[in-house]
Amino acid sequence: MQLTANIQNYHFDHILLNAAGVMCQTTTELDTVLASDYTGAVVTKSATPTLREGNPEPRYFEIPNHLGTINSMGLPNAGFDYYMSYVSEKQTTKPIFFSVAGLSKQDNLDMLHQLQDSDFKGLIELNLSCPNVPGKPQTAYDFETTEQILSEVFTFFTKPLGVKLPPYFDIAHFDMIADILNKFPLAFVNTINSIGNGLVIDEVTDTVVIKPKSGFGGIGGPLVKATALANVRALRQRLNSSIKIIGTGGVTTGRDVYEHILCGADLVEVGSQLAIEGIDVFERLEKELADILTEKGYTTLDDARGQLKTIS
């Protein structure tokens, strides 16, 4: 069973990879993801220009009964130069996604200029969707600003660039963001980031479970799968075929991966379940996916991609 994919000139021998935020903050974690026989690539932690400690703890919580997770990490990362040093020195046959998430438009432009001028030959992800930085709204909910940023970026940027998006909940918003993204030579879209500003309450103490933002945080895991699938499907229906889709959200089983593929995802990222289960999650998910594809009579992943059926 060929469980492979392509984005522009980049080939992925496996379709699973980490979400930018999990097992990717340190060089050791990045090496662990790359060393797995079941990952197709690695995504760096979304970098800010300088080291950032993130929000105060506790800032991550696993919701009981395997419902998902809530976090308000606040973009902790080792800083742009740290990840640039890593990707510059790392020898690997797997593609690397360099993720950036500036706290301002100028931050993003400065980092993208440095990537453009560097020898880095991987893919770049512009994260327009972090919901957990106090006082900083999610850029991609502001359609005018998103178009302005991309317009400026593509006056100088020629390397393969994609954007990481927040979840959208209205059909009109799918139309609006797709109309904007189709104006640019994007390599991919990553959908979704966590559902922002959820709230979880401890049943015993009647307090919120995380400290930042008075308990408000991004929701991940099984609770977000339906929203993630809807975003993958809606964007695949609207985006240029040259823009590939990375599906992220709610992946805990091979069936979840399969459903992302049915909706049109080319690659699938794992976040919450990777944090919970560890690196072995990739092997389990790929084997479960392969079993499903075999059971349904598919011989390649392309045969299943985008084949979601609707009721006539």
C-alpha atoms as a PDB file:
ATOM      1  CA  MET A   1       0.000   0.000   0.000  1.00  0.00           C
ATOM      2  CA  GLN A   2       1.505   3.314  -1.128  1.00  0.00           C
ATOM      3  CA  LEU A   3       0.719   5.845   1.592  1.00  0.00           C
ATOM      4  CA  THR A   4       2.491   8.745  -0.068  1.00  0.00           C
ATOM      5  CA  ALA A   5       1.835  12.315  -1.179  1.00  0.00           C
ATOM      6  CA  ASN A   6       3.433  15.234  -2.983  1.00  0.00           C
ATOM      7  CA  ILE A   7       3.480  18.989  -2.489  1.00  0.00           C
ATOM      8  CA  GLN A   8       5.067  20.729  -5.469  1.00  0.00           C
ATOM      9  CA  ASN A   9       8.452  19.040  -5.914  1.00  0.00           C
ATOM     10  CA  TYR A  10       8.487  17.517  -2.432  1.00  0.00           C
ATOM     11  CA  HIS A  11       7.703  13.830  -2.028  1.00  0.00           C
ATOM     12  CA  PHE A  12       6.434  12.348   1.220  1.00  0.00           C
ATOM     13  CA  ASP A  13       6.910   8.600   1.742  1.00  0.00           C
ATOM     14  CA  HIS A  14       4.370   8.741   4.575  1.00  0.00           C
ATOM     15  CA  ILE A  15       1.456  11.143   5.015  1.00  0.00           C
ATOM     16  CA  LEU A  16       1.634  11.613   8.790  1.00  0.00           C
ATOM     17  CA  LEU A  17       3.595  14.319  10.587  1.00  0.00           C
ATOM     18  CA  ASN A  18       3.557  16.289  13.817  1.00  0.00           C
ATOM     19  CA  ALA A  19       1.512  19.421  14.270  1.00  0.00           C
ATOM     20  CA  ALA A  20       3.615  22.540  14.902  1.00  0.00           C
ATOM     21  CA  GLY A  21       3.376  22.751  18.659  1.00  0.00           C
ATOM     22  CA  VAL A  22       3.900  19.131  19.654  1.00  0.00           C
ATOM     23  CA  MET A  23       7.228  17.292  19.867  1.00  0.00           C
ATOM     24  CA  CYS A  24       9.061  19.964  17.913  1.00  0.00           C
ATOM     25  CA  GLN A  25      10.380  22.602  20.298  1.00  0.00           C
ATOM     26  CA  THR A  26      13.872  21.203  20.786  1.00  0.00           C
ATOM     27  CA  THR A  27      16.359  19.618  18.409  1.00  0.00           C
ATOM     28  CA  THR A  28      15.974  16.342  20.289  1.00  0.00           C
ATOM     29  CA  GLU A  29      12.217  16.349  19.726  1.00  0.00           C
ATOM     30  CA  LEU A  30      12.619  17.256  16.060  1.00  0.00           C
ATOM     31  CA  ASP A  31      15.127  14.436  15.634  1.00  0.00           C
ATOM     32  CA  THR A  32      12.704  12.008  17.266  1.00  0.00           C
ATOM     33  CA  VAL A  33       9.974  12.840  14.748  1.00  0.00           C
ATOM     34  CA  LEU A  34      12.386  12.587  11.815  1.00  0.00           C
ATOM     35  CA  ALA A  35      13.735   9.246  13.048  1.00  0.00           C
ATOM     36  CA  SER A  36      10.322   7.575  13.023  1.00  0.00           C
ATOM     37  CA  ASP A  37       9.796   5.114  10.173  1.00  0.00           C
ATOM     38  CA  TYR A  38       6.187   6.307   9.935  1.00  0.00           C
ATOM     39  CA  THR A  39       6.497  10.092   9.521  1.00  0.00           C
ATOM     40  CA  GLY A  40       6.732  11.816   6.177  1.00  0.00           C
ATOM     41  CA  ALA A  41       8.235  15.058   7.447  1.00  0.00           C
ATOM     42  CA  VAL A  42       8.735  17.191  10.519  1.00  0.00           C
ATOM     43  CA  VAL A  43       7.307  20.614  11.353  1.00  0.00           C
ATOM     44  CA  THR A  44       9.311  22.939  13.557  1.00  0.00           C
ATOM     45  CA  LYS A  45       7.764  24.764  16.464  1.00  0.00           C
ATOM     46  CA  SER A  46       6.228  27.979  15.190  1.00  0.00           C
ATOM     47  CA  ALA A  47       9.087  30.417  15.653  1.00  0.00           C
ATOM     48  CA  THR A  48       9.019  33.985  16.876  1.00  0.00           C
ATOM     49  CA  PRO A  49      12.025  36.236  16.172  1.00  0.00           C
ATOM     50  CA  THR A  50      13.517  35.579  19.621  1.00  0.00           C
ATOM     51  CA  LEU A  51      13.148  32.989  22.356  1.00  0.00           C
ATOM     52  CA  ARG A  52       9.734  33.026  23.977  1.00  0.00           C
ATOM     53  CA  GLU A  53       8.867  31.292  27.250  1.00  0.00           C
ATOM     54  CA  GLY A  54       5.132  31.325  26.570  1.00  0.00           C
ATOM     55  CA  ASN A  55       2.297  31.648  29.049  1.00  0.00           C
ATOM     56  CA  PRO A  56       2.481  30.744  32.757  1.00  0.00           C
ATOM     57  CA  GLU A  57       1.661  27.197  33.862  1.00  0.00           C
ATOM     58  CA  PRO A  58      -0.566  25.268  34.148  1.00  0.00           C
ATOM     59  CA  ARG A  59      -1.243  25.842  30.472  1.00  0.00           C
ATOM     60  CA  TYR A  60      -2.112  22.356  29.165  1.00  0.00           C
ATOM     61  CA  PHE A  61      -4.780  19.908  30.332  1.00  0.00           C
ATOM     62  CA  GLU A  62      -6.098  16.595  29.074  1.00  0.00           C
ATOM     63  CA  ILE A  63      -9.889  16.596  29.335  1.00  0.00           C
ATOM     64  CA  PRO A  64     -11.285  13.499  31.116  1.00  0.00           C
ATOM     65  CA  ASN A  65     -12.964  10.656  29.216  1.00  0.00           C
ATOM     66  CA  HIS A  66     -10.631  11.102  26.245  1.00  0.00           C
ATOM     67  CA  LEU A  67     -12.592  14.076  24.959  1.00  0.00           C
ATOM     68  CA  GLY A  68      -9.536  16.115  24.006  1.00  0.00           C
ATOM     69  CA  THR A  69      -7.190  18.764  25.325  1.00  0.00           C
ATOM     70  CA  ILE A  70      -7.159  22.435  26.203  1.00  0.00           C
ATOM     71  CA  ASN A  71      -4.034  24.564  26.080  1.00  0.00           C
ATOM     72  CA  SER A  72      -2.872  28.127  26.225  1.00  0.00           C
ATOM     73  CA  MET A  73       0.813  27.592  25.607  1.00  0.00           C
ATOM     74  CA  GLY A  74       1.430  31.089  24.236  1.00  0.00           C
ATOM     75  CA  LEU A  75       3.919  30.143  21.504  1.00  0.00           C
ATOM     76  CA  PRO A  76       6.837  28.953  23.645  1.00  0.00           C
ATOM     77  CA  ASN A  77       9.777  28.397  21.306  1.00  0.00           C
ATOM     78  CA  ALA A  78      13.535  28.674  21.150  1.00  0.00           C
ATOM     79  CA  GLY A  79      13.538  31.534  18.661  1.00  0.00           C
ATOM     80  CA  PHE A  80      14.020  31.830  14.914  1.00  0.00           C
ATOM     81  CA  ASP A  81      17.826  31.496  14.927  1.00  0.00           C
ATOM     82  CA  TYR A  82      17.626  28.224  16.884  1.00  0.00           C
ATOM     83  CA  TYR A  83      15.432  26.555  14.268  1.00  0.00           C
ATOM     84  CA  MET A  84      17.346  28.116  11.405  1.00  0.00           C
ATOM     85  CA  SER A  85      20.533  26.617  12.794  1.00  0.00           C
ATOM     86  CA  TYR A  86      18.818  23.237  13.064  1.00  0.00           C
ATOM     87  CA  VAL A  87      17.459  23.132   9.514  1.00  0.00           C
ATOM     88  CA  SER A  88      20.723  24.461   8.110  1.00  0.00           C
ATOM     89  CA  GLU A  89      22.766  21.701   9.697  1.00  0.00           C
ATOM     90  CA  LYS A  90      20.309  18.795   9.563  1.00  0.00           C
ATOM     91  CA  GLN A  91      20.953  16.106   6.975  1.00  0.00           C
ATOM     92  CA  THR A  92      17.730  14.253   6.164  1.00  0.00           C
ATOM     93  CA  THR A  93      15.904  12.809   3.190  1.00  0.00           C
ATOM     94  CA  LYS A  94      12.555  13.889   4.625  1.00  0.00           C
ATOM     95  CA  PRO A  95      11.124  17.337   3.932  1.00  0.00           C
ATOM     96  CA  ILE A  96      11.148  19.873   6.753  1.00  0.00           C
ATOM     97  CA  PHE A  97       8.457  22.480   7.331  1.00  0.00           C
ATOM     98  CA  PHE A  98       9.790  25.651   8.937  1.00  0.00           C
ATOM     99  CA  SER A  99       6.881  27.266  10.801  1.00  0.00           C
ATOM    100  CA  VAL A 100       6.892  30.956  11.697  1.00  0.00           C
ATOM    101  CA  ALA A 101       4.414  32.902  13.819  1.00  0.00           C
ATOM    102  CA  GLY A 102       5.447  36.479  14.413  1.00  0.00           C
ATOM    103  CA  LEU A 103       3.595  38.614  16.932  1.00  0.00           C
ATOM    104  CA  SER A 104       3.255  41.334  14.292  1.00  0.00           C
ATOM    105  CA  LYS A 105       3.189  41.642  10.520  1.00  0.00           C
ATOM    106  CA  GLN A 106       6.719  42.996  10.581  1.00  0.00           C
ATOM    107  CA  ASP A 107       7.912  39.994  12.595  1.00  0.00           C
ATOM    108  CA  ASN A 108       6.584  37.677   9.908  1.00  0.00           C
ATOM    109  CA  LEU A 109       8.015  39.707   7.053  1.00  0.00           C
ATOM    110  CA  ASP A 110      11.430  39.867   8.707  1.00  0.00           C
ATOM    111  CA  MET A 111      11.552  36.105   9.286  1.00  0.00           C
ATOM    112  CA  LEU A 112      10.336  35.341   5.774  1.00  0.00           C
ATOM    113  CA  HIS A 113      13.004  37.652   4.331  1.00  0.00           C
ATOM    114  CA  GLN A 114      15.627  35.698   6.262  1.00  0.00           C
ATOM    115  CA  LEU A 115      14.239  32.396   5.006  1.00  0.00           C
ATOM    116  CA  GLN A 116      14.125  33.697   1.449  1.00  0.00           C
ATOM    117  CA  ASP A 117      17.770  34.763   1.668  1.00  0.00           C
ATOM    118  CA  SER A 118      18.900  31.521   3.332  1.00  0.00           C
ATOM    119  CA  ASP A 119      19.944  28.182   1.855  1.00  0.00           C
ATOM    120  CA  PHE A 120      16.936  26.441   3.428  1.00  0.00           C
ATOM    121  CA  LYS A 121      15.377  24.145   0.845  1.00  0.00           C
ATOM    122  CA  GLY A 122      12.291  22.930   2.702  1.00  0.00           C
ATOM    123  CA  LEU A 123       8.756  24.268   2.965  1.00  0.00           C
ATOM    124  CA  ILE A 124       7.668  27.263   5.021  1.00  0.00           C
ATOM    125  CA  GLU A 125       4.478  27.537   7.047  1.00  0.00           C
ATOM    126  CA  LEU A 126       3.160  30.975   7.963  1.00  0.00           C
ATOM    127  CA  ASN A 127       1.062  30.481  11.073  1.00  0.00           C
ATOM    128  CA  LEU A 128      -1.809  32.978  10.953  1.00  0.00           C
ATOM    129  CA  SER A 129      -3.863  31.235  13.604  1.00  0.00           C
ATOM    130  CA  CYS A 130      -2.471  31.050  17.121  1.00  0.00           C
ATOM    131  CA  PRO A 131      -5.371  31.688  19.553  1.00  0.00           C
ATOM    132  CA  ASN A 132      -3.311  31.713  22.747  1.00  0.00           C
ATOM    133  CA  VAL A 133      -1.279  34.928  22.789  1.00  0.00           C
ATOM    134  CA  PRO A 134      -3.030  37.420  25.087  1.00  0.00           C
ATOM    135  CA  GLY A 135      -3.913  40.617  23.264  1.00  0.00           C
ATOM    136  CA  LYS A 136      -3.071  39.207  19.828  1.00  0.00           C
ATOM    137  CA  PRO A 137      -6.076  38.221  17.672  1.00  0.00           C
ATOM    138  CA  GLN A 138      -5.885  35.410  15.145  1.00  0.00           C
ATOM    139  CA  THR A 139      -4.752  37.118  11.946  1.00  0.00           C
ATOM    140  CA  ALA A 140      -6.623  34.857   9.529  1.00  0.00           C
ATOM    141  CA  TYR A 141      -9.994  35.903  10.958  1.00  0.00           C
ATOM    142  CA  ASP A 142      -9.261  39.365   9.564  1.00  0.00           C
ATOM    143  CA  PHE A 143      -9.629  38.761   5.831  1.00  0.00           C
ATOM    144  CA  GLU A 144      -8.429  42.188   4.764  1.00  0.00           C
ATOM    145  CA  THR A 145      -5.259  41.940   6.857  1.00  0.00           C
ATOM    146  CA  THR A 146      -4.603  38.392   5.642  1.00  0.00           C
ATOM    147  CA  GLU A 147      -4.746  39.545   2.020  1.00  0.00           C
ATOM    148  CA  GLN A 148      -2.496  42.519   2.766  1.00  0.00           C
ATOM    149  CA  ILE A 149       0.118  40.303   4.418  1.00  0.00           C
ATOM    150  CA  LEU A 150       0.155  37.759   1.592  1.00  0.00           C
ATOM    151  CA  SER A 151       0.281  40.497  -1.020  1.00  0.00           C
ATOM    152  CA  GLU A 152       3.364  41.936   0.612  1.00  0.00           C
ATOM    153  CA  VAL A 153       4.975  38.541   1.191  1.00  0.00           C
ATOM    154  CA  PHE A 154       4.712  37.515  -2.438  1.00  0.00           C
ATOM    155  CA  THR A 155       6.442  40.647  -3.652  1.00  0.00           C
ATOM    156  CA  PHE A 156       9.694  38.990  -2.577  1.00  0.00           C
ATOM    157  CA  PHE A 157       9.052  35.402  -1.461  1.00  0.00           C
ATOM    158  CA  THR A 158       9.634  32.650  -4.017  1.00  0.00           C
ATOM    159  CA  LYS A 159      10.101  29.537  -1.875  1.00  0.00           C
ATOM    160  CA  PRO A 160       7.250  27.053  -1.215  1.00  0.00           C
ATOM    161  CA  LEU A 161       4.973  28.759   1.300  1.00  0.00           C
ATOM    162  CA  GLY A 162       1.769  27.666   2.979  1.00  0.00           C
ATOM    163  CA  VAL A 163      -0.475  29.104   5.655  1.00  0.00           C
ATOM    164  CA  LYS A 164      -1.838  27.603   8.844  1.00  0.00           C
ATOM    165  CA  LEU A 165      -5.443  28.630   9.365  1.00  0.00           C
ATOM    166  CA  PRO A 166      -7.862  28.777  12.266  1.00  0.00           C
ATOM    167  CA  PRO A 167     -11.180  26.957  11.996  1.00  0.00           C
ATOM    168  CA  TYR A 168     -13.988  28.681  10.129  1.00  0.00           C
ATOM    169  CA  PHE A 169     -17.615  28.084  10.989  1.00  0.00           C
ATOM    170  CA  ASP A 170     -19.654  29.891   8.354  1.00  0.00           C
ATOM    171  CA  ILE A 171     -20.058  28.969   4.680  1.00  0.00           C
ATOM    172  CA  ALA A 172     -19.547  32.605   3.720  1.00  0.00           C
ATOM    173  CA  HIS A 173     -16.209  32.593   5.540  1.00  0.00           C
ATOM    174  CA  PHE A 174     -15.060  29.517   3.591  1.00  0.00           C
ATOM    175  CA  ASP A 175     -15.874  31.414   0.407  1.00  0.00           C
ATOM    176  CA  MET A 176     -14.120  34.572   1.561  1.00  0.00           C
ATOM    177  CA  ILE A 177     -10.860  32.994   2.721  1.00  0.00           C
ATOM    178  CA  ALA A 178     -10.673  30.759  -0.361  1.00  0.00           C
ATOM    179  CA  ASP A 179     -11.145  33.742  -2.675  1.00  0.00           C
ATOM    180  CA  ILE A 180      -8.183  35.416  -0.978  1.00  0.00           C
ATOM    181  CA  LEU A 181      -5.901  32.385  -0.910  1.00  0.00           C
ATOM    182  CA  ASN A 182      -6.555  31.557  -4.574  1.00  0.00           C
ATOM    183  CA  LYS A 183      -4.950  34.871  -5.550  1.00  0.00           C
ATOM    184  CA  PHE A 184      -1.527  33.653  -4.423  1.00  0.00           C
ATOM    185  CA  PRO A 185       0.878  30.862  -5.438  1.00  0.00           C
ATOM    186  CA  LEU A 186       0.551  29.018  -2.137  1.00  0.00           C
ATOM    187  CA  ALA A 187       1.969  25.515  -1.887  1.00  0.00           C
ATOM    188  CA  PHE A 188      -0.415  24.342   0.820  1.00  0.00           C
ATOM    189  CA  VAL A 189      -2.968  25.245   3.448  1.00  0.00           C
ATOM    190  CA  ASN A 190      -2.891  23.674   6.906  1.00  0.00           C
ATOM    191  CA  THR A 191      -6.338  23.430   8.477  1.00  0.00           C
ATOM    192  CA  ILE A 192      -7.184  23.601  11.377  1.00  0.00           C
ATOM    193  CA  ASN A 193      -5.411  25.065  14.356  1.00  0.00           C
ATOM    194  CA  SER A 194      -7.129  24.498  17.700  1.00  0.00           C
ATOM    195  CA  ILE A 195     -10.617  25.885  18.274  1.00  0.00           C
ATOM    196  CA  GLY A 196      -9.816  29.037  20.203  1.00  0.00           C
ATOM    197  CA  ASN A 197     -11.072  30.158  23.586  1.00  0.00           C
ATOM    198  CA  GLY A 198     -12.758  27.107  24.982  1.00  0.00           C
ATOM    199  CA  LEU A 199     -13.177  26.680  28.726  1.00  0.00           C
ATOM    200  CA  VAL A 200     -12.856  23.546  30.863  1.00  0.00           C
ATOM    201  CA  ILE A 201     -13.844  23.395  34.557  1.00  0.00           C
ATOM    202  CA  ASP A 202     -12.466  21.008  37.167  1.00  0.00           C
ATOM    203  CA  GLU A 203     -15.380  18.987  38.564  1.00  0.00           C
ATOM    204  CA  VAL A 204     -13.926  18.783  42.066  1.00  0.00           C
ATOM    205  CA  THR A 205     -12.612  22.301  42.652  1.00  0.00           C
ATOM    206  CA  ASP A 206     -14.950  24.298  40.366  1.00  0.00           C
ATOM    207  CA  THR A 207     -11.955  26.130  38.963  1.00  0.00           C
ATOM    208  CA  VAL A 208     -10.646  26.450  35.446  1.00  0.00           C
ATOM    209  CA  VAL A 209      -7.939  23.931  34.570  1.00  0.00           C
ATOM    210  CA  ILE A 210      -5.391  26.277  32.992  1.00  0.00           C
ATOM    211  CA  LYS A 211      -4.024  29.583  34.265  1.00  0.00           C
ATOM    212  CA  PRO A 212      -3.539  31.886  31.236  1.00  0.00           C
ATOM    213  CA  LYS A 213      -6.385  34.085  30.041  1.00  0.00           C
ATOM    214  CA  SER A 214      -8.474  33.155  33.094  1.00  0.00           C
ATOM    215  CA  GLY A 215      -8.844  29.608  31.789  1.00  0.00           C
ATOM    216  CA  PHE A 216      -9.604  30.256  28.135  1.00  0.00           C
ATOM    217  CA  GLY A 217      -7.612  28.090  25.733  1.00  0.00           C
ATOM    218  CA  GLY A 218      -7.482  26.249  22.441  1.00  0.00           C
ATOM    219  CA  ILE A 219      -9.398  22.977  22.206  1.00  0.00           C
ATOM    220  CA  GLY A 220      -7.866  19.975  20.448  1.00  0.00           C
ATOM    221  CA  GLY A 221      -8.395  16.249  20.144  1.00  0.00           C
ATOM    222  CA  PRO A 222     -11.645  14.343  19.428  1.00  0.00           C
ATOM    223  CA  LEU A 223     -13.842  17.333  20.242  1.00  0.00           C
ATOM    224  CA  VAL A 224     -12.616  19.203  17.154  1.00  0.00           C
ATOM    225  CA  LYS A 225     -12.704  16.444  14.533  1.00  0.00           C
ATOM    226  CA  ALA A 226     -16.046  17.392  12.980  1.00  0.00           C
ATOM    227  CA  THR A 227     -14.920  20.998  12.621  1.00  0.00           C
ATOM    228  CA  ALA A 228     -11.555  19.959  11.200  1.00  0.00           C
ATOM    229  CA  LEU A 229     -13.152  17.676   8.617  1.00  0.00           C
ATOM    230  CA  ALA A 230     -15.589  20.406   7.580  1.00  0.00           C
ATOM    231  CA  ASN A 231     -12.729  22.851   7.038  1.00  0.00           C
ATOM    232  CA  VAL A 232     -10.686  20.343   5.036  1.00  0.00           C
ATOM    233  CA  ARG A 233     -13.699  19.514   2.868  1.00  0.00           C
ATOM    234  CA  ALA A 234     -14.864  23.093   2.356  1.00  0.00           C
ATOM    235  CA  LEU A 235     -11.421  24.377   1.456  1.00  0.00           C
ATOM    236  CA  ARG A 236     -10.649  21.459  -0.872  1.00  0.00           C
ATOM    237  CA  GLN A 237     -13.835  22.258  -2.757  1.00  0.00           C
ATOM    238  CA  ARG A 238     -12.878  25.933  -3.106  1.00  0.00           C
ATOM    239  CA  LEU A 239      -9.098  26.155  -3.432  1.00  0.00           C
ATOM    240  CA  ASN A 240      -7.054  25.864  -6.614  1.00  0.00           C
ATOM    241  CA  SER A 241      -5.970  22.272  -7.188  1.00  0.00           C
ATOM    242  CA  SER A 242      -2.327  23.401  -6.971  1.00  0.00           C
ATOM    243  CA  ILE A 243      -2.832  24.312  -3.299  1.00  0.00           C
ATOM    244  CA  LYS A 244      -2.503  21.124  -1.288  1.00  0.00           C
ATOM    245  CA  ILE A 245      -4.293  20.505   1.994  1.00  0.00           C
ATOM    246  CA  ILE A 246      -2.756  19.421   5.298  1.00  0.00           C
ATOM    247  CA  GLY A 247      -5.558  18.181   7.530  1.00  0.00           C
ATOM    248  CA  THR A 248      -5.116  18.698  11.261  1.00  0.00           C
ATOM    249  CA  GLY A 249      -7.508  18.124  14.121  1.00  0.00           C
ATOM    250  CA  GLY A 250      -9.166  15.308  16.008  1.00  0.00           C
ATOM    251  CA  VAL A 251      -6.893  12.496  14.861  1.00  0.00           C
ATOM    252  CA  THR A 252      -6.770   9.646  17.367  1.00  0.00           C
ATOM    253  CA  THR A 253      -7.327   6.597  15.121  1.00  0.00           C
ATOM    254  CA  GLY A 254      -6.585   5.416  11.614  1.00  0.00           C
ATOM    255  CA  ARG A 255     -10.250   5.977  10.836  1.00  0.00           C
ATOM    256  CA  ASP A 256      -9.784   9.666  11.654  1.00  0.00           C
ATOM    257  CA  VAL A 257      -6.850   9.848   9.233  1.00  0.00           C
ATOM    258  CA  TYR A 258      -8.958   8.110   6.591  1.00  0.00           C
ATOM    259  CA  GLU A 259     -11.774  10.622   7.017  1.00  0.00           C
ATOM    260  CA  HIS A 260      -9.351  13.524   6.566  1.00  0.00           C
ATOM    261  CA  ILE A 261      -8.209  11.863   3.326  1.00  0.00           C
ATOM    262  CA  LEU A 262     -11.804  11.349   2.183  1.00  0.00           C
ATOM    263  CA  CYS A 263     -12.393  15.067   2.690  1.00  0.00           C
ATOM    264  CA  GLY A 264      -9.393  15.881   0.504  1.00  0.00           C
ATOM    265  CA  ALA A 265      -6.326  16.094   2.744  1.00  0.00           C
ATOM    266  CA  ASP A 266      -2.961  15.318   1.169  1.00  0.00           C
ATOM    267  CA  LEU A 267      -1.078  15.082   4.467  1.00  0.00           C
ATOM    268  CA  VAL A 268      -2.396  14.688   8.016  1.00  0.00           C
ATOM    269  CA  GLU A 269      -0.880  16.176  11.159  1.00  0.00           C
ATOM    270  CA  VAL A 270      -1.224  14.789  14.672  1.00  0.00           C
ATOM    271  CA  GLY A 271      -1.191  17.094  17.682  1.00  0.00           C
ATOM    272  CA  SER A 272      -3.044  16.182  20.875  1.00  0.00           C
ATOM    273  CA  GLN A 273      -2.740  12.428  20.397  1.00  0.00           C
ATOM    274  CA  LEU A 274       0.998  12.737  19.769  1.00  0.00           C
ATOM    275  CA  ALA A 275       1.313  14.630  23.061  1.00  0.00           C
ATOM    276  CA  ILE A 276      -0.691  11.948  24.855  1.00  0.00           C
ATOM    277  CA  GLU A 277       0.646   8.767  23.239  1.00  0.00           C
ATOM    278  CA  GLY A 278       4.131   9.673  22.097  1.00  0.00           C
ATOM    279  CA  ILE A 279       6.051   8.882  18.932  1.00  0.00           C
ATOM    280  CA  ASP A 280       4.593   5.369  18.555  1.00  0.00           C
ATOM    281  CA  VAL A 281       1.256   6.917  17.597  1.00  0.00           C
ATOM    282  CA  PHE A 282       2.453   7.273  13.994  1.00  0.00           C
ATOM    283  CA  GLU A 283       3.037   3.545  13.559  1.00  0.00           C
ATOM    284  CA  ARG A 284      -0.371   2.676  14.998  1.00  0.00           C
ATOM    285  CA  LEU A 285      -2.205   5.241  12.896  1.00  0.00           C
ATOM    286  CA  GLU A 286      -0.533   4.222   9.649  1.00  0.00           C
ATOM    287  CA  LYS A 287      -1.242   0.537  10.203  1.00  0.00           C
ATOM    288  CA  GLU A 288      -4.864   1.239  11.078  1.00  0.00           C
ATOM    289  CA  LEU A 289      -5.202   3.401   7.970  1.00  0.00           C
ATOM    290  CA  ALA A 290      -3.666   0.738   5.741  1.00  0.00           C
ATOM    291  CA  ASP A 291      -6.081  -1.876   7.128  1.00  0.00           C
ATOM    292  CA  ILE A 292      -9.069   0.357   6.346  1.00  0.00           C
ATOM    293  CA  LEU A 293      -7.898   1.049   2.810  1.00  0.00           C
ATOM    294  CA  THR A 294      -7.314  -2.648   2.172  1.00  0.00           C
ATOM    295  CA  GLU A 295     -10.710  -3.582   3.596  1.00  0.00           C
ATOM    296  CA  LYS A 296     -12.394  -1.067   1.289  1.00  0.00           C
ATOM    297  CA  GLY A 297     -10.536  -2.333  -1.763  1.00  0.00           C
ATOM    298  CA  TYR A 298      -8.291   0.659  -2.375  1.00  0.00           C
ATOM    299  CA  THR A 299      -4.834  -0.003  -3.767  1.00  0.00           C
ATOM    300  CA  THR A 300      -3.481   3.531  -3.443  1.00  0.00           C
ATOM    301  CA  LEU A 301      -4.205   6.497  -1.217  1.00  0.00           C
ATOM    302  CA  ASP A 302      -5.047   8.602  -4.268  1.00  0.00           C
ATOM    303  CA  ASP A 303      -8.005   6.339  -4.968  1.00  0.00           C
ATOM    304  CA  ALA A 304      -9.587   7.405  -1.669  1.00  0.00           C
ATOM    305  CA  ARG A 305      -8.507  11.048  -1.530  1.00  0.00           C
ATOM    306  CA  GLY A 306     -11.432  13.419  -1.853  1.00  0.00           C
ATOM    307  CA  GLN A 307     -13.951  10.597  -2.401  1.00  0.00           C
ATOM    308  CA  LEU A 308     -16.375  11.646   0.318  1.00  0.00           C
ATOM    309  CA  LYS A 309     -19.916  10.686  -0.669  1.00  0.00           C
ATOM    310  CA  THR A 310     -22.956  12.893  -0.138  1.00  0.00           C
ATOM    311  CA  ILE A 311     -26.620  11.984   0.062  1.00  0.00           C
ATOM    312  CA  SER A 312     -28.523  12.761  -3.144  1.00  0.00           C
END
